[in-house]
Amino acid sequence: EAPPAPPADGALIRGMFLEGARWDGDAGSLADPRPMELVVPFPMVHFRPVERQKKAGRPGVYSCPAYMYPVRTGSRERPSYTVSVDLKSGAFDPDHWVKRGTALLLALAT
């Protein structure tokens, strides 16, 4: 499929993976993974620049960490954590996804 035209602001990112959950495109939120699904492809995301502000936990929104690779601890020379992405938590409380260790991965190999 041909990529869409570049946005006027921000960047389109594709090729991410979701671990510990799946993305329900119809509901536009996180959902429990299907049996035997450990990691699933995540749809394209449009990152837009916003002013930095103090973030308070919003109800129904999971602040999903994104890591460069599956080894989340990383090292001092090569940290793994990159950014948190706010995702709708769907039928579950955001704490449900924290307990499952749900995260976005930019690569599946270290």
C-alpha atoms as a PDB file:
ATOM      1  CA  GLU A   1       0.000   0.000   0.000  1.00  0.00           C
ATOM      2  CA  ALA A   2       1.290   3.461  -0.887  1.00  0.00           C
ATOM      3  CA  PRO A   3       2.060   5.728   2.064  1.00  0.00           C
ATOM      4  CA  PRO A   4      -0.205   8.742   2.530  1.00  0.00           C
ATOM      5  CA  ALA A   5       1.000  12.257   1.779  1.00  0.00           C
ATOM      6  CA  PRO A   6       3.238  13.738   4.490  1.00  0.00           C
ATOM      7  CA  PRO A   7       1.296  15.689   7.113  1.00  0.00           C
ATOM      8  CA  ALA A   8       1.676  19.448   7.452  1.00  0.00           C
ATOM      9  CA  ASP A   9       2.773  19.006  11.066  1.00  0.00           C
ATOM     10  CA  GLY A  10       4.272  16.065  12.908  1.00  0.00           C
ATOM     11  CA  ALA A  11       5.249  12.686  11.518  1.00  0.00           C
ATOM     12  CA  LEU A  12       3.550   9.469  10.459  1.00  0.00           C
ATOM     13  CA  ILE A  13       5.114   6.410  12.091  1.00  0.00           C
ATOM     14  CA  ARG A  14       4.431   2.853  11.004  1.00  0.00           C
ATOM     15  CA  GLY A  15       5.999  -0.501  11.732  1.00  0.00           C
ATOM     16  CA  MET A  16       5.386  -0.532  15.502  1.00  0.00           C
ATOM     17  CA  PHE A  17       4.200  -3.587  17.410  1.00  0.00           C
ATOM     18  CA  LEU A  18       1.925  -3.928  20.437  1.00  0.00           C
ATOM     19  CA  GLU A  19       2.852  -6.399  23.172  1.00  0.00           C
ATOM     20  CA  GLY A  20       0.393  -7.567  25.838  1.00  0.00           C
ATOM     21  CA  ALA A  21      -2.731  -6.365  24.022  1.00  0.00           C
ATOM     22  CA  ARG A  22      -4.201  -5.886  20.567  1.00  0.00           C
ATOM     23  CA  TRP A  23      -5.624  -2.818  18.879  1.00  0.00           C
ATOM     24  CA  ASP A  24      -9.350  -2.897  18.171  1.00  0.00           C
ATOM     25  CA  GLY A  25      -9.639  -0.677  15.100  1.00  0.00           C
ATOM     26  CA  ASP A  26     -13.438  -0.646  15.206  1.00  0.00           C
ATOM     27  CA  ALA A  27     -13.554   0.658  18.780  1.00  0.00           C
ATOM     28  CA  GLY A  28     -10.337   2.670  18.461  1.00  0.00           C
ATOM     29  CA  SER A  29      -8.980   1.266  21.725  1.00  0.00           C
ATOM     30  CA  LEU A  30      -6.956  -1.481  23.358  1.00  0.00           C
ATOM     31  CA  ALA A  31      -8.462  -4.950  23.712  1.00  0.00           C
ATOM     32  CA  ASP A  32      -7.391  -8.290  25.157  1.00  0.00           C
ATOM     33  CA  PRO A  33      -5.141 -10.207  22.786  1.00  0.00           C
ATOM     34  CA  ARG A  34      -6.457 -13.281  21.019  1.00  0.00           C
ATOM     35  CA  PRO A  35      -5.158 -16.668  22.200  1.00  0.00           C
ATOM     36  CA  MET A  36      -1.485 -17.219  21.325  1.00  0.00           C
ATOM     37  CA  GLU A  37      -1.008 -13.568  20.246  1.00  0.00           C
ATOM     38  CA  LEU A  38       2.031 -12.211  22.042  1.00  0.00           C
ATOM     39  CA  VAL A  39       2.924  -9.361  19.714  1.00  0.00           C
ATOM     40  CA  VAL A  40       0.680  -7.798  17.046  1.00  0.00           C
ATOM     41  CA  PRO A  41       1.292  -5.098  14.423  1.00  0.00           C
ATOM     42  CA  PHE A  42       0.110  -1.619  15.411  1.00  0.00           C
ATOM     43  CA  PRO A  43      -1.506   0.746  12.881  1.00  0.00           C
ATOM     44  CA  MET A  44       0.176   3.901  11.601  1.00  0.00           C
ATOM     45  CA  VAL A  45       0.334   6.719  14.145  1.00  0.00           C
ATOM     46  CA  HIS A  46       0.389  10.464  13.494  1.00  0.00           C
ATOM     47  CA  PHE A  47       2.623  12.125  16.098  1.00  0.00           C
ATOM     48  CA  ARG A  48       1.854  15.840  16.384  1.00  0.00           C
ATOM     49  CA  PRO A  49       3.969  18.369  18.281  1.00  0.00           C
ATOM     50  CA  VAL A  50       2.321  19.774  21.393  1.00  0.00           C
ATOM     51  CA  GLU A  51       3.465  22.039  24.194  1.00  0.00           C
ATOM     52  CA  ARG A  52       4.923  20.161  27.100  1.00  0.00           C
ATOM     53  CA  GLN A  53       2.581  20.161  30.060  1.00  0.00           C
ATOM     54  CA  LYS A  54       2.145  18.299  33.292  1.00  0.00           C
ATOM     55  CA  LYS A  55       0.166  15.173  32.559  1.00  0.00           C
ATOM     56  CA  ALA A  56      -2.424  14.026  35.017  1.00  0.00           C
ATOM     57  CA  GLY A  57      -3.875  10.562  34.598  1.00  0.00           C
ATOM     58  CA  ARG A  58      -6.941  10.868  32.391  1.00  0.00           C
ATOM     59  CA  PRO A  59      -9.719   8.325  32.947  1.00  0.00           C
ATOM     60  CA  GLY A  60      -9.942   5.718  30.200  1.00  0.00           C
ATOM     61  CA  VAL A  61      -6.506   6.541  28.766  1.00  0.00           C
ATOM     62  CA  TYR A  62      -3.457   4.293  29.146  1.00  0.00           C
ATOM     63  CA  SER A  63      -0.089   6.005  28.851  1.00  0.00           C
ATOM     64  CA  CYS A  64       1.595   3.210  26.882  1.00  0.00           C
ATOM     65  CA  PRO A  65       5.404   3.147  26.961  1.00  0.00           C
ATOM     66  CA  ALA A  66       7.216   2.688  23.654  1.00  0.00           C
ATOM     67  CA  TYR A  67      10.540   0.867  23.611  1.00  0.00           C
ATOM     68  CA  MET A  68      13.160   0.561  20.881  1.00  0.00           C
ATOM     69  CA  TYR A  69      13.483  -3.198  21.368  1.00  0.00           C
ATOM     70  CA  PRO A  70      11.958  -5.981  23.495  1.00  0.00           C
ATOM     71  CA  VAL A  71      14.658  -5.802  26.201  1.00  0.00           C
ATOM     72  CA  ARG A  72      13.002  -3.009  28.107  1.00  0.00           C
ATOM     73  CA  THR A  73      15.719  -2.397  30.647  1.00  0.00           C
ATOM     74  CA  GLY A  74      18.232  -1.243  28.069  1.00  0.00           C
ATOM     75  CA  SER A  75      21.570   0.013  29.355  1.00  0.00           C
ATOM     76  CA  ARG A  76      23.184   3.304  30.216  1.00  0.00           C
ATOM     77  CA  GLU A  77      24.753   3.483  26.762  1.00  0.00           C
ATOM     78  CA  ARG A  78      21.684   2.193  24.927  1.00  0.00           C
ATOM     79  CA  PRO A  79      18.400   3.057  26.658  1.00  0.00           C
ATOM     80  CA  SER A  80      15.305   1.273  25.385  1.00  0.00           C
ATOM     81  CA  TYR A  81      12.476   3.593  26.506  1.00  0.00           C
ATOM     82  CA  THR A  82      11.597   6.296  23.972  1.00  0.00           C
ATOM     83  CA  VAL A  83       8.199   7.897  24.653  1.00  0.00           C
ATOM     84  CA  SER A  84       4.742   7.303  26.160  1.00  0.00           C
ATOM     85  CA  VAL A  85       1.775   7.170  23.793  1.00  0.00           C
ATOM     86  CA  ASP A  86      -1.730   7.859  25.127  1.00  0.00           C
ATOM     87  CA  LEU A  87      -4.107   5.079  24.013  1.00  0.00           C
ATOM     88  CA  LYS A  88      -7.778   4.598  24.870  1.00  0.00           C
ATOM     89  CA  SER A  89      -7.990   1.732  27.351  1.00  0.00           C
ATOM     90  CA  GLY A  90     -11.278   0.362  26.025  1.00  0.00           C
ATOM     91  CA  ALA A  91     -13.405  -1.810  28.297  1.00  0.00           C
ATOM     92  CA  PHE A  92     -10.686  -2.019  30.956  1.00  0.00           C
ATOM     93  CA  ASP A  93      -9.207   0.393  33.445  1.00  0.00           C
ATOM     94  CA  PRO A  94      -5.705   1.661  32.489  1.00  0.00           C
ATOM     95  CA  ASP A  95      -4.288  -0.291  35.467  1.00  0.00           C
ATOM     96  CA  HIS A  96      -5.275  -3.508  33.674  1.00  0.00           C
ATOM     97  CA  TRP A  97      -2.783  -2.709  30.889  1.00  0.00           C
ATOM     98  CA  VAL A  98      -0.082  -1.745  33.392  1.00  0.00           C
ATOM     99  CA  LYS A  99      -0.412  -5.151  35.089  1.00  0.00           C
ATOM    100  CA  ARG A 100      -0.211  -6.914  31.705  1.00  0.00           C
ATOM    101  CA  GLY A 101       2.963  -5.027  30.811  1.00  0.00           C
ATOM    102  CA  THR A 102       1.408  -3.661  27.626  1.00  0.00           C
ATOM    103  CA  ALA A 103       3.907  -1.699  25.549  1.00  0.00           C
ATOM    104  CA  LEU A 104       4.675  -0.568  22.022  1.00  0.00           C
ATOM    105  CA  LEU A 105       7.850  -1.939  20.434  1.00  0.00           C
ATOM    106  CA  LEU A 106       9.726  -0.325  17.565  1.00  0.00           C
ATOM    107  CA  ALA A 107      11.598  -3.556  16.763  1.00  0.00           C
ATOM    108  CA  LEU A 108      11.176  -7.238  17.615  1.00  0.00           C
ATOM    109  CA  ALA A 109      14.881  -8.122  17.621  1.00  0.00           C
ATOM    110  CA  THR A 110      17.560  -6.754  19.911  1.00  0.00           C
END
